[in-house]
Every structure is written in C-alpha cells, then in structure tokens.
PDB file of N, CA and C in Angstrom:
ATOM      1  N   MET A   1       2.072   5.375 -13.100  1.00  0.00           N
ATOM      2  CA  MET A   1       2.367   5.407 -11.680  1.00  0.00           C
ATOM      3  C   MET A   1       1.585   6.548 -11.052  1.00  0.00           C
ATOM      4  N   ILE A   2       0.833   6.253 -10.038  1.00  0.00           N
ATOM      5  CA  ILE A   2       0.097   7.261  -9.288  1.00  0.00           C
ATOM      6  C   ILE A   2       1.044   7.863  -8.266  1.00  0.00           C
ATOM      7  N   ARG A   3       1.138   9.182  -8.238  1.00  0.00           N
ATOM      8  CA  ARG A   3       2.003   9.840  -7.261  1.00  0.00           C
ATOM      9  C   ARG A   3       1.222  10.929  -6.550  1.00  0.00           C
ATOM     10  N   ALA A   4       1.301  10.909  -5.255  1.00  0.00           N
ATOM     11  CA  ALA A   4       0.659  11.939  -4.456  1.00  0.00           C
ATOM     12  C   ALA A   4       1.623  13.112  -4.321  1.00  0.00           C
ATOM     13  N   ASN A   5       1.087  14.253  -3.964  1.00  0.00           N
ATOM     14  CA  ASN A   5       1.922  15.425  -3.726  1.00  0.00           C
ATOM     15  C   ASN A   5       2.765  15.159  -2.485  1.00  0.00           C
ATOM     16  N   PRO A   6       4.104  15.159  -2.595  1.00  0.00           N
ATOM     17  CA  PRO A   6       4.942  14.831  -1.434  1.00  0.00           C
ATOM     18  C   PRO A   6       4.855  15.859  -0.314  1.00  0.00           C
ATOM     19  N   ARG A   7       4.334  17.034  -0.576  1.00  0.00           N
ATOM     20  CA  ARG A   7       4.205  18.046   0.474  1.00  0.00           C
ATOM     21  C   ARG A   7       2.966  17.823   1.323  1.00  0.00           C
ATOM     22  N   VAL A   8       2.064  16.986   0.825  1.00  0.00           N
ATOM     23  CA  VAL A   8       0.855  16.667   1.579  1.00  0.00           C
ATOM     24  C   VAL A   8       1.170  15.510   2.512  1.00  0.00           C
ATOM     25  N   ILE A   9       0.763  15.604   3.766  1.00  0.00           N
ATOM     26  CA  ILE A   9       1.014  14.510   4.711  1.00  0.00           C
ATOM     27  C   ILE A   9       0.323  13.265   4.184  1.00  0.00           C
ATOM     28  N   GLY A  10       1.057  12.178   4.141  1.00  0.00           N
ATOM     29  CA  GLY A  10       0.518  10.931   3.610  1.00  0.00           C
ATOM     30  C   GLY A  10       0.886  10.708   2.159  1.00  0.00           C
ATOM     31  N   GLY A  11       1.575  11.663   1.524  1.00  0.00           N
ATOM     32  CA  GLY A  11       2.001  11.488   0.145  1.00  0.00           C
ATOM     33  C   GLY A  11       3.013  10.359   0.054  1.00  0.00           C
ATOM     34  N   TYR A  12       3.098   9.720  -1.079  1.00  0.00           N
ATOM     35  CA  TYR A  12       4.050   8.635  -1.241  1.00  0.00           C
ATOM     36  C   TYR A  12       4.630   8.688  -2.636  1.00  0.00           C
ATOM     37  N   GLY A  13       5.700   8.020  -2.847  1.00  0.00           N
ATOM     38  CA  GLY A  13       6.339   7.946  -4.150  1.00  0.00           C
ATOM     39  C   GLY A  13       7.599   7.112  -4.044  1.00  0.00           C
ATOM     40  N   HIS A  14       8.292   6.930  -5.142  1.00  0.00           N
ATOM     41  CA  HIS A  14       9.491   6.107  -5.144  1.00  0.00           C
ATOM     42  C   HIS A  14      10.754   6.924  -4.880  1.00  0.00           C
ATOM     43  N   LYS A  15      10.705   8.186  -5.115  1.00  0.00           N
ATOM     44  CA  LYS A  15      11.875   9.030  -4.937  1.00  0.00           C
ATOM     45  C   LYS A  15      11.884   9.616  -3.533  1.00  0.00           C
ATOM     46  N   LYS A  16      13.012  10.125  -3.149  1.00  0.00           N
ATOM     47  CA  LYS A  16      13.136  10.716  -1.818  1.00  0.00           C
ATOM     48  C   LYS A  16      12.395  12.057  -1.788  1.00  0.00           C
ATOM     49  N   HIS A  17      11.473  12.206  -0.859  1.00  0.00           N
ATOM     50  CA  HIS A  17      10.690  13.422  -0.697  1.00  0.00           C
ATOM     51  C   HIS A  17      10.685  13.806   0.771  1.00  0.00           C
ATOM     52  N   SER A  18      11.049  14.996   1.066  1.00  0.00           N
ATOM     53  CA  SER A  18      10.951  15.533   2.423  1.00  0.00           C
ATOM     54  C   SER A  18      11.543  14.595   3.466  1.00  0.00           C
ATOM     55  N   GLY A  19      12.635  13.913   3.160  1.00  0.00           N
ATOM     56  CA  GLY A  19      13.315  13.106   4.157  1.00  0.00           C
ATOM     57  C   GLY A  19      12.859  11.665   4.269  1.00  0.00           C
ATOM     58  N   TYR A  20      11.983  11.189   3.390  1.00  0.00           N
ATOM     59  CA  TYR A  20      11.614   9.777   3.461  1.00  0.00           C
ATOM     60  C   TYR A  20      11.683   9.158   2.072  1.00  0.00           C
ATOM     61  N   CYS A  21      11.866   7.863   2.025  1.00  0.00           N
ATOM     62  CA  CYS A  21      11.989   7.167   0.754  1.00  0.00           C
ATOM     63  C   CYS A  21      11.408   5.763   0.902  1.00  0.00           C
ATOM     64  N   LEU A  22      10.595   5.353  -0.058  1.00  0.00           N
ATOM     65  CA  LEU A  22      10.028   4.011  -0.057  1.00  0.00           C
ATOM     66  C   LEU A  22      10.834   3.127  -1.003  1.00  0.00           C
ATOM     67  N   PRO A  23      10.792   1.817  -0.805  1.00  0.00           N
ATOM     68  CA  PRO A  23      11.531   0.907  -1.688  1.00  0.00           C
ATOM     69  C   PRO A  23      11.116   1.081  -3.147  1.00  0.00           C
ATOM     70  N   ASP A  24      12.061   0.890  -4.068  1.00  0.00           N
ATOM     71  CA  ASP A  24      11.772   1.043  -5.493  1.00  0.00           C
ATOM     72  C   ASP A  24      10.854  -0.047  -6.015  1.00  0.00           C
ATOM     73  N   ARG A  25      11.034  -1.255  -5.531  1.00  0.00           N
ATOM     74  CA  ARG A  25      10.244  -2.379  -6.024  1.00  0.00           C
ATOM     75  C   ARG A  25       9.589  -3.127  -4.867  1.00  0.00           C
ATOM     76  N   PRO A  26       8.332  -3.525  -5.076  1.00  0.00           N
ATOM     77  CA  PRO A  26       7.682  -4.356  -4.058  1.00  0.00           C
ATOM     78  C   PRO A  26       8.401  -5.692  -3.919  1.00  0.00           C
ATOM     79  N   ARG A  27       8.353  -6.267  -2.721  1.00  0.00           N
ATOM     80  CA  ARG A  27       9.030  -7.538  -2.456  1.00  0.00           C
ATOM     81  C   ARG A  27       8.161  -8.742  -2.771  1.00  0.00           C
ATOM     82  N   ARG A  28       6.863  -8.579  -2.813  1.00  0.00           N
ATOM     83  CA  ARG A  28       5.982  -9.720  -3.069  1.00  0.00           C
ATOM     84  C   ARG A  28       4.833  -9.275  -3.965  1.00  0.00           C
ATOM     85  N   THR A  29       4.203 -10.207  -4.658  1.00  0.00           N
ATOM     86  CA  THR A  29       3.097  -9.909  -5.565  1.00  0.00           C
ATOM     87  C   THR A  29       1.926 -10.832  -5.261  1.00  0.00           C
ATOM     88  N   ALA A  30       0.756 -10.395  -5.660  1.00  0.00           N
ATOM     89  CA  ALA A  30      -0.451 -11.204  -5.476  1.00  0.00           C
ATOM     90  C   ALA A  30      -1.495 -10.772  -6.494  1.00  0.00           C
ATOM     91  N   ALA A  31      -2.462 -11.647  -6.720  1.00  0.00           N
ATOM     92  CA  ALA A  31      -3.592 -11.336  -7.591  1.00  0.00           C
ATOM     93  C   ALA A  31      -4.864 -11.697  -6.840  1.00  0.00           C
ATOM     94  N   TRP A  32      -5.768 -10.741  -6.717  1.00  0.00           N
ATOM     95  CA  TRP A  32      -7.007 -10.979  -5.999  1.00  0.00           C
ATOM     96  C   TRP A  32      -8.180 -10.913  -6.963  1.00  0.00           C
ATOM     97  N   MET A  33      -9.190 -11.694  -6.685  1.00  0.00           N
ATOM     98  CA  MET A  33     -10.376 -11.742  -7.531  1.00  0.00           C
ATOM     99  C   MET A  33     -11.213 -10.463  -7.403  1.00  0.00           C
ATOM    100  N   ASP A  34     -11.094  -9.727  -6.296  1.00  0.00           N
ATOM    101  CA  ASP A  34     -11.950  -8.565  -6.072  1.00  0.00           C
ATOM    102  C   ASP A  34     -11.250  -7.218  -6.292  1.00  0.00           C
ATOM    103  N   VAL A  35     -10.056  -7.226  -6.877  1.00  0.00           N
ATOM    104  CA  VAL A  35      -9.356  -5.987  -7.235  1.00  0.00           C
ATOM    105  C   VAL A  35      -9.211  -5.977  -8.755  1.00  0.00           C
ATOM    106  N   ALA A  36     -10.050  -5.168  -9.415  1.00  0.00           N
ATOM    107  CA  ALA A  36     -10.037  -5.101 -10.874  1.00  0.00           C
ATOM    108  C   ALA A  36      -8.769  -4.414 -11.367  1.00  0.00           C
ATOM    109  N   ILE A  37      -8.262  -4.852 -12.498  1.00  0.00           N
ATOM    110  CA  ILE A  37      -7.026  -4.303 -13.054  1.00  0.00           C
ATOM    111  C   ILE A  37      -7.140  -2.802 -13.300  1.00  0.00           C
ATOM    112  N   GLY A  38      -8.248  -2.325 -13.781  1.00  0.00           N
ATOM    113  CA  GLY A  38      -8.402  -0.901 -14.092  1.00  0.00           C
ATOM    114  C   GLY A  38      -8.905  -0.044 -12.947  1.00  0.00           C
ATOM    115  N   ALA A  39      -9.123  -0.627 -11.784  1.00  0.00           N
ATOM    116  CA  ALA A  39      -9.665   0.134 -10.655  1.00  0.00           C
ATOM    117  C   ALA A  39      -8.670   1.201 -10.202  1.00  0.00           C
ATOM    118  N   TYR A  40      -9.193   2.339  -9.752  1.00  0.00           N
ATOM    119  CA  TYR A  40      -8.329   3.450  -9.331  1.00  0.00           C
ATOM    120  C   TYR A  40      -7.438   3.070  -8.155  1.00  0.00           C
ATOM    121  N   TYR A  41      -7.824   2.086  -7.387  1.00  0.00           N
ATOM    122  CA  TYR A  41      -7.064   1.681  -6.209  1.00  0.00           C
ATOM    123  C   TYR A  41      -6.181   0.452  -6.450  1.00  0.00           C
ATOM    124  N   ALA A  42      -6.186  -0.106  -7.649  1.00  0.00           N
ATOM    125  CA  ALA A  42      -5.464  -1.356  -7.918  1.00  0.00           C
ATOM    126  C   ALA A  42      -3.950  -1.218  -7.707  1.00  0.00           C
ATOM    127  N   GLU A  43      -3.344  -0.167  -8.243  1.00  0.00           N
ATOM    128  CA  GLU A  43      -1.895  -0.016  -8.101  1.00  0.00           C
ATOM    129  C   GLU A  43      -1.473   0.259  -6.657  1.00  0.00           C
ATOM    130  N   PRO A  44      -2.135   1.172  -5.929  1.00  0.00           N
ATOM    131  CA  PRO A  44      -1.759   1.357  -4.524  1.00  0.00           C
ATOM    132  C   PRO A  44      -1.947   0.095  -3.685  1.00  0.00           C
ATOM    133  N   VAL A  45      -2.973  -0.697  -3.978  1.00  0.00           N
ATOM    134  CA  VAL A  45      -3.195  -1.949  -3.252  1.00  0.00           C
ATOM    135  C   VAL A  45      -2.032  -2.908  -3.514  1.00  0.00           C
ATOM    136  N   GLN A  46      -1.633  -3.054  -4.779  1.00  0.00           N
ATOM    137  CA  GLN A  46      -0.514  -3.941  -5.116  1.00  0.00           C
ATOM    138  C   GLN A  46       0.787  -3.466  -4.467  1.00  0.00           C
ATOM    139  N   LEU A  47       1.027  -2.147  -4.471  1.00  0.00           N
ATOM    140  CA  LEU A  47       2.246  -1.622  -3.855  1.00  0.00           C
ATOM    141  C   LEU A  47       2.242  -1.837  -2.345  1.00  0.00           C
ATOM    142  N   ALA A  48       1.107  -1.550  -1.699  1.00  0.00           N
ATOM    143  CA  ALA A  48       1.024  -1.731  -0.244  1.00  0.00           C
ATOM    144  C   ALA A  48       1.233  -3.195   0.135  1.00  0.00           C
ATOM    145  N   TYR A  49       0.658  -4.109  -0.641  1.00  0.00           N
ATOM    146  CA  TYR A  49       0.869  -5.530  -0.376  1.00  0.00           C
ATOM    147  C   TYR A  49       2.322  -5.918  -0.659  1.00  0.00           C
ATOM    148  N   GLY A  50       2.853  -5.441  -1.760  1.00  0.00           N
ATOM    149  CA  GLY A  50       4.219  -5.779  -2.144  1.00  0.00           C
ATOM    150  C   GLY A  50       5.252  -5.303  -1.137  1.00  0.00           C
ATOM    151  N   TRP A  51       5.019  -4.147  -0.536  1.00  0.00           N
ATOM    152  CA  TRP A  51       5.939  -3.618   0.477  1.00  0.00           C
ATOM    153  C   TRP A  51       5.720  -4.264   1.844  1.00  0.00           C
ATOM    154  N   GLY A  52       4.662  -5.068   1.972  1.00  0.00           N
ATOM    155  CA  GLY A  52       4.391  -5.724   3.247  1.00  0.00           C
ATOM    156  C   GLY A  52       3.571  -4.876   4.208  1.00  0.00           C
ATOM    157  N   VAL A  53       2.967  -3.802   3.697  1.00  0.00           N
ATOM    158  CA  VAL A  53       2.176  -2.909   4.553  1.00  0.00           C
ATOM    159  C   VAL A  53       0.777  -3.477   4.774  1.00  0.00           C
ATOM    160  N   ALA A  54       0.156  -3.973   3.735  1.00  0.00           N
ATOM    161  CA  ALA A  54      -1.216  -4.485   3.819  1.00  0.00           C
ATOM    162  C   ALA A  54      -1.253  -5.955   3.428  1.00  0.00           C
ATOM    163  N   ASP A  55      -2.216  -6.663   3.955  1.00  0.00           N
ATOM    164  CA  ASP A  55      -2.442  -8.066   3.613  1.00  0.00           C
ATOM    165  C   ASP A  55      -3.833  -8.220   3.031  1.00  0.00           C
ATOM    166  N   GLY A  56      -4.033  -9.274   2.263  1.00  0.00           N
ATOM    167  CA  GLY A  56      -5.365  -9.594   1.783  1.00  0.00           C
ATOM    168  C   GLY A  56      -6.163 -10.280   2.884  1.00  0.00           C
ATOM    169  N   THR A  57      -7.463 -10.366   2.690  1.00  0.00           N
ATOM    170  CA  THR A  57      -8.293 -11.049   3.687  1.00  0.00           C
ATOM    171  C   THR A  57      -8.246 -12.560   3.506  1.00  0.00           C
ATOM    172  N   SER A  58      -7.799 -13.008   2.332  1.00  0.00           N
ATOM    173  CA  SER A  58      -7.558 -14.434   2.075  1.00  0.00           C
ATOM    174  C   SER A  58      -6.540 -14.524   0.942  1.00  0.00           C
ATOM    175  N   ASP A  59      -6.249 -15.727   0.489  1.00  0.00           N
ATOM    176  CA  ASP A  59      -5.307 -15.887  -0.617  1.00  0.00           C
ATOM    177  C   ASP A  59      -5.845 -15.342  -1.933  1.00  0.00           C
ATOM    178  N   THR A  60      -7.179 -15.267  -2.067  1.00  0.00           N
ATOM    179  CA  THR A  60      -7.774 -14.835  -3.329  1.00  0.00           C
ATOM    180  C   THR A  60      -8.555 -13.535  -3.233  1.00  0.00           C
ATOM    181  N   THR A  61      -8.700 -12.959  -2.040  1.00  0.00           N
ATOM    182  CA  THR A  61      -9.450 -11.702  -1.902  1.00  0.00           C
ATOM    183  C   THR A  61      -8.683 -10.675  -1.070  1.00  0.00           C
ATOM    184  N   PHE A  62      -8.891  -9.406  -1.426  1.00  0.00           N
ATOM    185  CA  PHE A  62      -8.313  -8.294  -0.680  1.00  0.00           C
ATOM    186  C   PHE A  62      -9.395  -7.549   0.106  1.00  0.00           C
ATOM    187  N   SER A  63     -10.631  -7.582  -0.370  1.00  0.00           N
ATOM    188  CA  SER A  63     -11.785  -6.914   0.240  1.00  0.00           C
ATOM    189  C   SER A  63     -11.592  -5.398   0.318  1.00  0.00           C
ATOM    190  N   PRO A  64     -11.439  -4.726  -0.840  1.00  0.00           N
ATOM    191  CA  PRO A  64     -11.208  -3.283  -0.836  1.00  0.00           C
ATOM    192  C   PRO A  64     -12.396  -2.463  -0.343  1.00  0.00           C
ATOM    193  N   ASP A  65     -13.610  -3.018  -0.394  1.00  0.00           N
ATOM    194  CA  ASP A  65     -14.793  -2.281   0.066  1.00  0.00           C
ATOM    195  C   ASP A  65     -15.078  -2.477   1.552  1.00  0.00           C
ATOM    196  N   GLN A  66     -14.338  -3.350   2.188  1.00  0.00           N
ATOM    197  CA  GLN A  66     -14.536  -3.622   3.617  1.00  0.00           C
ATOM    198  C   GLN A  66     -13.734  -2.607   4.433  1.00  0.00           C
ATOM    199  N   PRO A  67     -14.367  -1.948   5.413  1.00  0.00           N
ATOM    200  CA  PRO A  67     -13.622  -0.981   6.231  1.00  0.00           C
ATOM    201  C   PRO A  67     -12.534  -1.674   7.060  1.00  0.00           C
ATOM    202  N   ALA A  68     -11.420  -0.990   7.240  1.00  0.00           N
ATOM    203  CA  ALA A  68     -10.332  -1.524   8.068  1.00  0.00           C
ATOM    204  C   ALA A  68     -10.665  -1.300   9.540  1.00  0.00           C
ATOM    205  N   THR A  69     -10.357  -2.275  10.363  1.00  0.00           N
ATOM    206  CA  THR A  69     -10.565  -2.118  11.799  1.00  0.00           C
ATOM    207  C   THR A  69      -9.435  -1.261  12.370  1.00  0.00           C
ATOM    208  N   ARG A  70      -9.585  -0.822  13.592  1.00  0.00           N
ATOM    209  CA  ARG A  70      -8.512  -0.047  14.235  1.00  0.00           C
ATOM    210  C   ARG A  70      -7.217  -0.842  14.301  1.00  0.00           C
ATOM    211  N   GLY A  71      -7.335  -2.111  14.628  1.00  0.00           N
ATOM    212  CA  GLY A  71      -6.155  -2.971  14.716  1.00  0.00           C
ATOM    213  C   GLY A  71      -5.455  -3.116  13.376  1.00  0.00           C
ATOM    214  N   GLU A  72      -6.240  -3.306  12.298  1.00  0.00           N
ATOM    215  CA  GLU A  72      -5.648  -3.416  10.963  1.00  0.00           C
ATOM    216  C   GLU A  72      -4.966  -2.112  10.563  1.00  0.00           C
ATOM    217  N   TYR A  73      -5.609  -0.994  10.879  1.00  0.00           N
ATOM    218  CA  TYR A  73      -5.042   0.312  10.547  1.00  0.00           C
ATOM    219  C   TYR A  73      -3.716   0.536  11.282  1.00  0.00           C
ATOM    220  N   ILE A  74      -3.693   0.223  12.566  1.00  0.00           N
ATOM    221  CA  ILE A  74      -2.468   0.394  13.347  1.00  0.00           C
ATOM    222  C   ILE A  74      -1.361  -0.517  12.814  1.00  0.00           C
ATOM    223  N   LYS A  75      -1.714  -1.753  12.449  1.00  0.00           N
ATOM    224  CA  LYS A  75      -0.726  -2.684  11.906  1.00  0.00           C
ATOM    225  C   LYS A  75      -0.158  -2.144  10.592  1.00  0.00           C
ATOM    226  N   MET A  76      -1.008  -1.606   9.713  1.00  0.00           N
ATOM    227  CA  MET A  76      -0.535  -1.046   8.448  1.00  0.00           C
ATOM    228  C   MET A  76       0.324   0.198   8.688  1.00  0.00           C
ATOM    229  N   LEU A  77      -0.078   1.046   9.620  1.00  0.00           N
ATOM    230  CA  LEU A  77       0.691   2.244   9.938  1.00  0.00           C
ATOM    231  C   LEU A  77       2.068   1.873  10.476  1.00  0.00           C
ATOM    232  N   TYR A  78       2.114   0.919  11.390  1.00  0.00           N
ATOM    233  CA  TYR A  78       3.389   0.459  11.956  1.00  0.00           C
ATOM    234  C   TYR A  78       4.295  -0.105  10.866  1.00  0.00           C
ATOM    235  N   ARG A  79       3.726  -0.946   9.997  1.00  0.00           N
ATOM    236  CA  ARG A  79       4.525  -1.539   8.930  1.00  0.00           C
ATOM    237  C   ARG A  79       5.027  -0.476   7.960  1.00  0.00           C
ATOM    238  N   ALA A  80       4.176   0.500   7.631  1.00  0.00           N
ATOM    239  CA  ALA A  80       4.582   1.566   6.710  1.00  0.00           C
ATOM    240  C   ALA A  80       5.707   2.394   7.302  1.00  0.00           C
ATOM    241  N   LEU A  81       5.600   2.739   8.562  1.00  0.00           N
ATOM    242  CA  LEU A  81       6.650   3.533   9.203  1.00  0.00           C
ATOM    243  C   LEU A  81       7.938   2.737   9.363  1.00  0.00           C
ATOM    244  N   SER A  82       7.822   1.419   9.420  1.00  0.00           N
ATOM    245  CA  SER A  82       9.005   0.558   9.565  1.00  0.00           C
ATOM    246  C   SER A  82       9.809   0.450   8.268  1.00  0.00           C
ATOM    247  N   ILE A  83       9.169   0.648   7.106  1.00  0.00           N
ATOM    248  CA  ILE A  83       9.907   0.511   5.848  1.00  0.00           C
ATOM    249  C   ILE A  83      10.450   1.824   5.327  1.00  0.00           C
ATOM    250  N   VAL A  84      10.004   2.935   5.873  1.00  0.00           N
ATOM    251  CA  VAL A  84      10.500   4.237   5.412  1.00  0.00           C
ATOM    252  C   VAL A  84      11.977   4.342   5.743  1.00  0.00           C
ATOM    253  N   GLN A  85      12.756   4.701   4.744  1.00  0.00           N
ATOM    254  CA  GLN A  85      14.211   4.785   4.939  1.00  0.00           C
ATOM    255  C   GLN A  85      14.643   6.208   5.148  1.00  0.00           C
TER     256      GLN A  85
END
C-alpha cells in the first residue's frame, strides 16, 4: 500500500489523518490495457477509480500519460472532497 505523508497537503490513506478519512475499500474495480500491474501509479489509479474519483477514457483505457483538462481536474477534486468523511 502506497501511503503519502498525512501532514503534507494532498496526502491520502485509509486511516483517519488530520480530520479526514477515505473509504477502506473501493466500490468498483476495472482493468485497463494501458495501466501496467507493476507501474508506480497503478495502485493510486485503481483506488481513485474504485472510490469514484477518476474515470477511464474508455472501458479498456485509462490514458495515464494524457494530461487532465481543467474540467476533468475540477470533477476529480469535487468527487474527492465529496467522499472525505
């Protein structure tokens, strides 16, 4: 499990840190052809999708090398702030 420092803004984890808590388990799962199992970003991508924060660009691709647009970023930020308990 990759864990960021909870004292750093943007840190995340499963336990309660500094007044926020994320769900223990993702609600949905997916497998994309362009997200390698061993990639450094594979687990955060799966968690973000599972929590409903991020979506893939299609049913079979996530497009991790494609920059996010402002609209996509705002949508992910809104969704992330909506699930924080």
